Structures are given as C-alpha cells and as structure tokens.
Amino acid sequence: MSNPAKAKGSGAERAVVTWLKQWFPYADRRLAGAALDKGDVSGIPGVTIEVKNQAAMKLSEWVGELETEMKNDNAWTGVVIHKKKGKTDVGEWYAIMPAKVWVDLLRRGMDK
C-alpha cells in the first residue's frame, strides 16, 4: 500500500475487527467501493462502526459521516472508534456517538 494515511487507517480497522471478534465472531472489515458507505466494520447486525486513526479530532465531521452511514446501513446504533495516540489496545481508544444514539442505547439496555 503506497498511501501512508490509507495504510494507517486500514491498520486501525484491522485492530478494531480483531478486538471485536472476542465478542462478535462475524465482525469483519467492509471493503471500499460500495455505492453507499455503510461504515468500516460489518458483521454486527444493526450496528454501524466507523474507524478513525487521525491526529486531529474532527468530531462534527465524523459524527455526520456516522449518521449518514447508519442510514445507509439501516442501523439502529453506531459509533466512531478513534485511535488514541500511543495506545495499541483498542479498549483504550475513544468511542464517539451522538448523544441521541447513546441515550437510545441506554434505553434499550434498560428494557431488558
């Protein structure tokens, strides 16, 4: 891969998928090129996951992208996972979502 930024992003996506497979064995990277972007990770029904590995946090841009991808994916929830500088453990990275998505997630969890 000749594009360093793309290689960095792909590496973060692979790390997230490997981490998620502990609980979600069908988690996998989506391949680029689809007509509608549905996020970077597939295999968890109803969930859209966008992965970012950038130094600058662009929360508004990323959340807007996530919301579009959730619609494209017909997902009920979604999250942007952003690599934390200097951390290789995905569990220490940031999980970013709109507050309305977070509240919906909490409410669904309390209904059980």
C-alpha atoms as a PDB file:
ATOM      1  CA  MET A   1       0.000   0.000   0.000  1.00  0.00           C
ATOM      2  CA  SER A   2       1.682   3.195  -1.159  1.00  0.00           C
ATOM      3  CA  ASN A   3      -0.576   5.701   0.622  1.00  0.00           C
ATOM      4  CA  PRO A   4       0.640   6.020   4.260  1.00  0.00           C
ATOM      5  CA  ALA A   5      -2.643   7.528   5.519  1.00  0.00           C
ATOM      6  CA  LYS A   6      -4.648   4.689   3.971  1.00  0.00           C
ATOM      7  CA  ALA A   7      -2.264   2.122   5.456  1.00  0.00           C
ATOM      8  CA  LYS A   8      -2.647   3.743   8.885  1.00  0.00           C
ATOM      9  CA  GLY A   9      -6.444   3.667   8.584  1.00  0.00           C
ATOM     10  CA  SER A  10      -6.511   0.076   7.353  1.00  0.00           C
ATOM     11  CA  GLY A  11      -4.307  -0.988  10.257  1.00  0.00           C
ATOM     12  CA  ALA A  12      -6.686   0.636  12.745  1.00  0.00           C
ATOM     13  CA  GLU A  13      -9.661  -1.077  11.087  1.00  0.00           C
ATOM     14  CA  ARG A  14      -7.926  -4.469  11.350  1.00  0.00           C
ATOM     15  CA  ALA A  15      -7.121  -3.809  15.025  1.00  0.00           C
ATOM     16  CA  VAL A  16     -10.767  -2.938  15.767  1.00  0.00           C
ATOM     17  CA  VAL A  17     -12.038  -6.062  13.987  1.00  0.00           C
ATOM     18  CA  THR A  18      -9.572  -8.301  15.848  1.00  0.00           C
ATOM     19  CA  TRP A  19     -10.634  -6.749  19.165  1.00  0.00           C
ATOM     20  CA  LEU A  20     -14.368  -7.060  18.400  1.00  0.00           C
ATOM     21  CA  LYS A  21     -14.050 -10.725  17.409  1.00  0.00           C
ATOM     22  CA  GLN A  22     -13.679 -11.545  21.125  1.00  0.00           C
ATOM     23  CA  TRP A  23     -17.431 -10.937  21.438  1.00  0.00           C
ATOM     24  CA  PHE A  24     -18.677 -10.744  17.847  1.00  0.00           C
ATOM     25  CA  PRO A  25     -17.090 -13.549  15.799  1.00  0.00           C
ATOM     26  CA  TYR A  26     -18.568 -12.318  12.498  1.00  0.00           C
ATOM     27  CA  ALA A  27     -17.041  -8.836  12.731  1.00  0.00           C
ATOM     28  CA  ASP A  28     -15.126  -8.048   9.547  1.00  0.00           C
ATOM     29  CA  ARG A  29     -13.793  -5.126   7.523  1.00  0.00           C
ATOM     30  CA  ARG A  30     -16.018  -3.770   4.811  1.00  0.00           C
ATOM     31  CA  LEU A  31     -14.281  -3.429   1.507  1.00  0.00           C
ATOM     32  CA  ALA A  32     -14.297   0.012  -0.089  1.00  0.00           C
ATOM     33  CA  GLY A  33     -16.140   0.641  -3.311  1.00  0.00           C
ATOM     34  CA  ALA A  34     -19.794   0.166  -2.382  1.00  0.00           C
ATOM     35  CA  ALA A  35     -22.251   2.682  -3.829  1.00  0.00           C
ATOM     36  CA  LEU A  36     -23.406   3.626  -0.307  1.00  0.00           C
ATOM     37  CA  ASP A  37     -20.877   3.834   2.536  1.00  0.00           C
ATOM     38  CA  LYS A  38     -22.099   1.715   5.466  1.00  0.00           C
ATOM     39  CA  GLY A  39     -19.091   2.139   7.761  1.00  0.00           C
ATOM     40  CA  ASP A  40     -15.809   0.286   8.133  1.00  0.00           C
ATOM     41  CA  VAL A  41     -16.891  -2.812  10.064  1.00  0.00           C
ATOM     42  CA  SER A  42     -19.623  -5.306   9.237  1.00  0.00           C
ATOM     43  CA  GLY A  43     -20.892  -8.451  10.944  1.00  0.00           C
ATOM     44  CA  ILE A  44     -22.766  -6.927  13.886  1.00  0.00           C
ATOM     45  CA  PRO A  45     -26.380  -6.586  12.735  1.00  0.00           C
ATOM     46  CA  GLY A  46     -27.908  -3.156  13.300  1.00  0.00           C
ATOM     47  CA  VAL A  47     -24.575  -1.557  14.223  1.00  0.00           C
ATOM     48  CA  THR A  48     -22.500   0.823  12.096  1.00  0.00           C
ATOM     49  CA  ILE A  49     -18.841   1.292  13.031  1.00  0.00           C
ATOM     50  CA  GLU A  50     -16.579   3.954  11.557  1.00  0.00           C
ATOM     51  CA  VAL A  51     -12.872   3.744  12.462  1.00  0.00           C
ATOM     52  CA  LYS A  52     -10.549   6.761  12.545  1.00  0.00           C
ATOM     53  CA  ASN A  53      -6.794   6.950  13.036  1.00  0.00           C
ATOM     54  CA  GLN A  54      -6.040  10.651  12.701  1.00  0.00           C
ATOM     55  CA  ALA A  55      -4.115  13.026  14.944  1.00  0.00           C
ATOM     56  CA  ALA A  56      -6.739  15.770  14.764  1.00  0.00           C
ATOM     57  CA  MET A  57     -10.191  15.071  16.182  1.00  0.00           C
ATOM     58  CA  LYS A  58     -12.862  16.170  13.730  1.00  0.00           C
ATOM     59  CA  LEU A  59     -15.888  15.228  15.828  1.00  0.00           C
ATOM     60  CA  SER A  60     -18.552  17.113  13.876  1.00  0.00           C
ATOM     61  CA  GLU A  61     -17.322  15.726  10.559  1.00  0.00           C
ATOM     62  CA  TRP A  62     -17.008  12.173  11.890  1.00  0.00           C
ATOM     63  CA  VAL A  63     -20.422  12.151  13.592  1.00  0.00           C
ATOM     64  CA  GLY A  64     -22.032  13.497  10.419  1.00  0.00           C
ATOM     65  CA  GLU A  65     -20.361  10.711   8.456  1.00  0.00           C
ATOM     66  CA  LEU A  66     -21.533   8.151  11.019  1.00  0.00           C
ATOM     67  CA  GLU A  67     -25.140   9.372  10.867  1.00  0.00           C
ATOM     68  CA  THR A  68     -25.152   9.085   7.059  1.00  0.00           C
ATOM     69  CA  GLU A  69     -23.613   5.611   7.231  1.00  0.00           C
ATOM     70  CA  MET A  70     -26.167   4.492   9.847  1.00  0.00           C
ATOM     71  CA  LYS A  71     -28.962   5.484   7.451  1.00  0.00           C
ATOM     72  CA  ASN A  72     -27.230   3.717   4.554  1.00  0.00           C
ATOM     73  CA  ASP A  73     -26.746   0.627   6.729  1.00  0.00           C
ATOM     74  CA  ASN A  74     -30.303   0.756   8.146  1.00  0.00           C
ATOM     75  CA  ALA A  75     -28.630   0.519  11.580  1.00  0.00           C
ATOM     76  CA  TRP A  76     -30.292   1.306  14.902  1.00  0.00           C
ATOM     77  CA  THR A  77     -26.983   2.335  16.517  1.00  0.00           C
ATOM     78  CA  GLY A  78     -23.461   3.271  15.581  1.00  0.00           C
ATOM     79  CA  VAL A  79     -20.132   4.547  16.834  1.00  0.00           C
ATOM     80  CA  VAL A  80     -16.935   6.183  15.653  1.00  0.00           C
ATOM     81  CA  ILE A  81     -13.908   4.428  17.148  1.00  0.00           C
ATOM     82  CA  HIS A  82     -10.917   6.776  17.205  1.00  0.00           C
ATOM     83  CA  LYS A  83      -7.405   5.508  17.913  1.00  0.00           C
ATOM     84  CA  LYS A  84      -5.853   7.059  20.989  1.00  0.00           C
ATOM     85  CA  LYS A  85      -2.291   8.198  20.317  1.00  0.00           C
ATOM     86  CA  GLY A  86       0.284   5.826  21.758  1.00  0.00           C
ATOM     87  CA  LYS A  87      -2.274   3.116  22.605  1.00  0.00           C
ATOM     88  CA  THR A  88      -2.445  -0.192  20.772  1.00  0.00           C
ATOM     89  CA  ASP A  89      -5.206  -1.666  22.972  1.00  0.00           C
ATOM     90  CA  VAL A  90      -8.457  -0.833  21.177  1.00  0.00           C
ATOM     91  CA  GLY A  91     -10.244  -0.957  24.536  1.00  0.00           C
ATOM     92  CA  GLU A  92      -8.410   2.271  25.439  1.00  0.00           C
ATOM     93  CA  TRP A  93      -9.415   4.097  22.247  1.00  0.00           C
ATOM     94  CA  TYR A  94     -12.298   6.585  22.080  1.00  0.00           C
ATOM     95  CA  ALA A  95     -15.904   5.649  21.256  1.00  0.00           C
ATOM     96  CA  ILE A  96     -17.797   8.658  19.887  1.00  0.00           C
ATOM     97  CA  MET A  97     -21.500   8.887  19.101  1.00  0.00           C
ATOM     98  CA  PRO A  98     -24.267  11.474  19.064  1.00  0.00           C
ATOM     99  CA  ALA A  99     -25.954  11.847  22.456  1.00  0.00           C
ATOM    100  CA  LYS A 100     -29.309  10.721  20.988  1.00  0.00           C
ATOM    101  CA  VAL A 101     -27.708   7.460  19.830  1.00  0.00           C
ATOM    102  CA  TRP A 102     -26.122   6.966  23.261  1.00  0.00           C
ATOM    103  CA  VAL A 103     -29.454   7.532  25.056  1.00  0.00           C
ATOM    104  CA  ASP A 104     -31.198   5.082  22.708  1.00  0.00           C
ATOM    105  CA  LEU A 105     -28.513   2.519  23.502  1.00  0.00           C
ATOM    106  CA  LEU A 106     -29.006   3.051  27.247  1.00  0.00           C
ATOM    107  CA  ARG A 107     -32.791   2.851  26.985  1.00  0.00           C
ATOM    108  CA  ARG A 108     -32.661  -0.387  25.008  1.00  0.00           C
ATOM    109  CA  GLY A 109     -30.278  -1.855  27.591  1.00  0.00           C
ATOM    110  CA  MET A 110     -32.622  -0.935  30.431  1.00  0.00           C
ATOM    111  CA  ASP A 111     -35.601  -2.549  28.688  1.00  0.00           C
ATOM    112  CA  LYS A 112     -34.054  -5.985  29.115  1.00  0.00           C
END
